[in-house]
Amino acid sequence: ADPLYKLALADLLIEEARIEDGVALYEETAAGSTHAGAYYFRLGNTLSRTGCQQLSGRFYRKALDTDPDNPFYKARCVASADSPKAGVEISGSTKEL
């Protein structure tokens, strides 16, 4: 299947509060992809838009790890580090709700 269809489905899952399922689909799609940084950045944006600030920061950092020179990834990492954090524990990782 086209990766963009998978990402669109993952976005819908996250927007329907099925965060773990959406994140897993993003991770599956990003695995081994040359576009992993863009996928993680998109995931960070989706999570941020749905109020999951702390979790979005983790994926902005993953995007930056894949492309350390990308100015957009750098800017989002800085911005997400300045966000207030109120994490909730889900499946062993802290996630914002």
Protein backbone atom coordinates (compact mmCIF):
# COMPACT_ATOMS: atom_id res chain seq x y z
CA ALA A 1 0.00 0.00 0.00
CA ASP A 2 1.07 3.57 -0.64
CA PRO A 3 2.80 4.94 2.48
CA LEU A 4 0.72 8.12 2.36
CA TYR A 5 -2.46 6.08 2.70
CA LYS A 6 -0.99 4.40 5.77
CA LEU A 7 -0.04 7.77 7.26
CA ALA A 8 -3.52 9.17 6.59
CA LEU A 9 -5.02 6.14 8.36
CA ALA A 10 -2.58 6.59 11.24
CA ASP A 11 -3.61 10.26 11.53
CA LEU A 12 -7.26 9.22 11.74
CA LEU A 13 -6.46 6.65 14.43
CA ILE A 14 -4.66 9.28 16.50
CA GLU A 15 -7.49 11.77 16.04
CA GLU A 16 -9.90 9.09 17.29
CA ALA A 17 -7.78 8.68 20.46
CA ARG A 18 -6.27 5.39 19.26
CA ILE A 19 -2.82 6.86 19.78
CA GLU A 20 -0.93 3.60 20.25
CA ASP A 21 -2.37 2.16 17.03
CA GLY A 22 -1.61 5.31 15.07
CA VAL A 23 1.95 5.57 16.37
CA ALA A 24 2.54 1.88 15.60
CA LEU A 25 1.38 2.37 12.02
CA TYR A 26 3.69 5.37 11.64
CA GLU A 27 6.61 3.37 13.07
CA GLU A 28 5.87 0.49 10.69
CA THR A 29 5.72 2.86 7.72
CA ALA A 30 8.91 4.70 8.70
CA ALA A 31 10.94 1.53 9.30
CA GLY A 32 13.59 1.35 6.61
CA SER A 33 12.11 4.22 4.61
CA THR A 34 14.31 6.91 3.12
CA HIS A 35 11.51 9.31 4.13
CA ALA A 36 11.48 8.33 7.81
CA GLY A 37 12.37 11.85 8.96
CA ALA A 38 9.40 13.35 7.12
CA TYR A 39 7.12 10.64 8.51
CA TYR A 40 8.28 11.25 12.09
CA PHE A 41 7.89 15.00 11.60
CA ARG A 42 4.35 14.50 10.32
CA LEU A 43 3.61 12.24 13.29
CA GLY A 44 4.92 14.93 15.63
CA ASN A 45 2.62 17.46 13.98
CA THR A 46 -0.40 15.15 14.24
CA LEU A 47 0.29 14.43 17.91
CA SER A 48 0.83 18.10 18.67
CA ARG A 49 -2.42 19.03 16.93
CA THR A 50 -4.31 16.48 19.06
CA GLY A 51 -2.81 17.74 22.33
CA CYS A 52 -0.06 15.14 22.83
CA GLN A 53 2.75 17.67 23.26
CA GLN A 54 5.27 15.52 25.13
CA LEU A 55 4.87 12.59 22.80
CA SER A 56 5.08 14.85 19.76
CA GLY A 57 8.46 16.11 21.00
CA ARG A 58 9.81 12.57 20.98
CA PHE A 59 8.95 12.18 17.30
CA TYR A 60 10.29 15.61 16.38
CA ARG A 61 13.56 14.45 17.92
CA LYS A 62 13.41 11.21 15.92
CA ALA A 63 12.93 13.27 12.76
CA LEU A 64 15.94 15.37 13.69
CA ASP A 65 17.99 12.23 14.35
CA THR A 66 17.33 11.11 10.76
CA ASP A 67 18.29 14.50 9.29
CA PRO A 68 20.25 16.63 11.79
CA ASP A 69 20.68 19.51 9.35
CA ASN A 70 16.98 20.01 8.60
CA PRO A 71 16.06 23.49 9.90
CA PHE A 72 12.34 22.63 10.25
CA TYR A 73 13.11 19.63 12.44
CA LYS A 74 15.48 21.73 14.58
CA ALA A 75 12.89 24.46 15.04
CA ARG A 76 10.18 22.01 16.11
CA CYS A 77 12.49 20.31 18.58
CA VAL A 78 13.23 23.65 20.21
CA ALA A 79 9.55 24.66 20.21
CA SER A 80 8.40 21.32 21.65
CA ALA A 81 11.04 21.53 24.40
CA ASP A 82 9.45 24.82 25.51
CA SER A 83 5.92 23.34 25.67
CA PRO A 84 4.27 22.53 29.00
CA LYS A 85 4.27 18.80 29.67
CA ALA A 86 1.62 16.71 31.40
CA GLY A 87 2.33 13.11 30.57
CA VAL A 88 0.16 10.08 31.02
CA GLU A 89 1.63 6.58 31.17
CA ILE A 90 0.44 4.30 28.34
CA SER A 91 2.11 0.96 27.59
CA GLY A 92 5.36 1.83 29.26
CA SER A 93 5.92 5.20 27.63
CA THR A 94 4.84 8.63 28.75
CA LYS A 95 2.30 10.13 26.42
CA GLU A 96 0.44 13.41 26.48
CA LEU A 97 -3.32 13.39 26.34
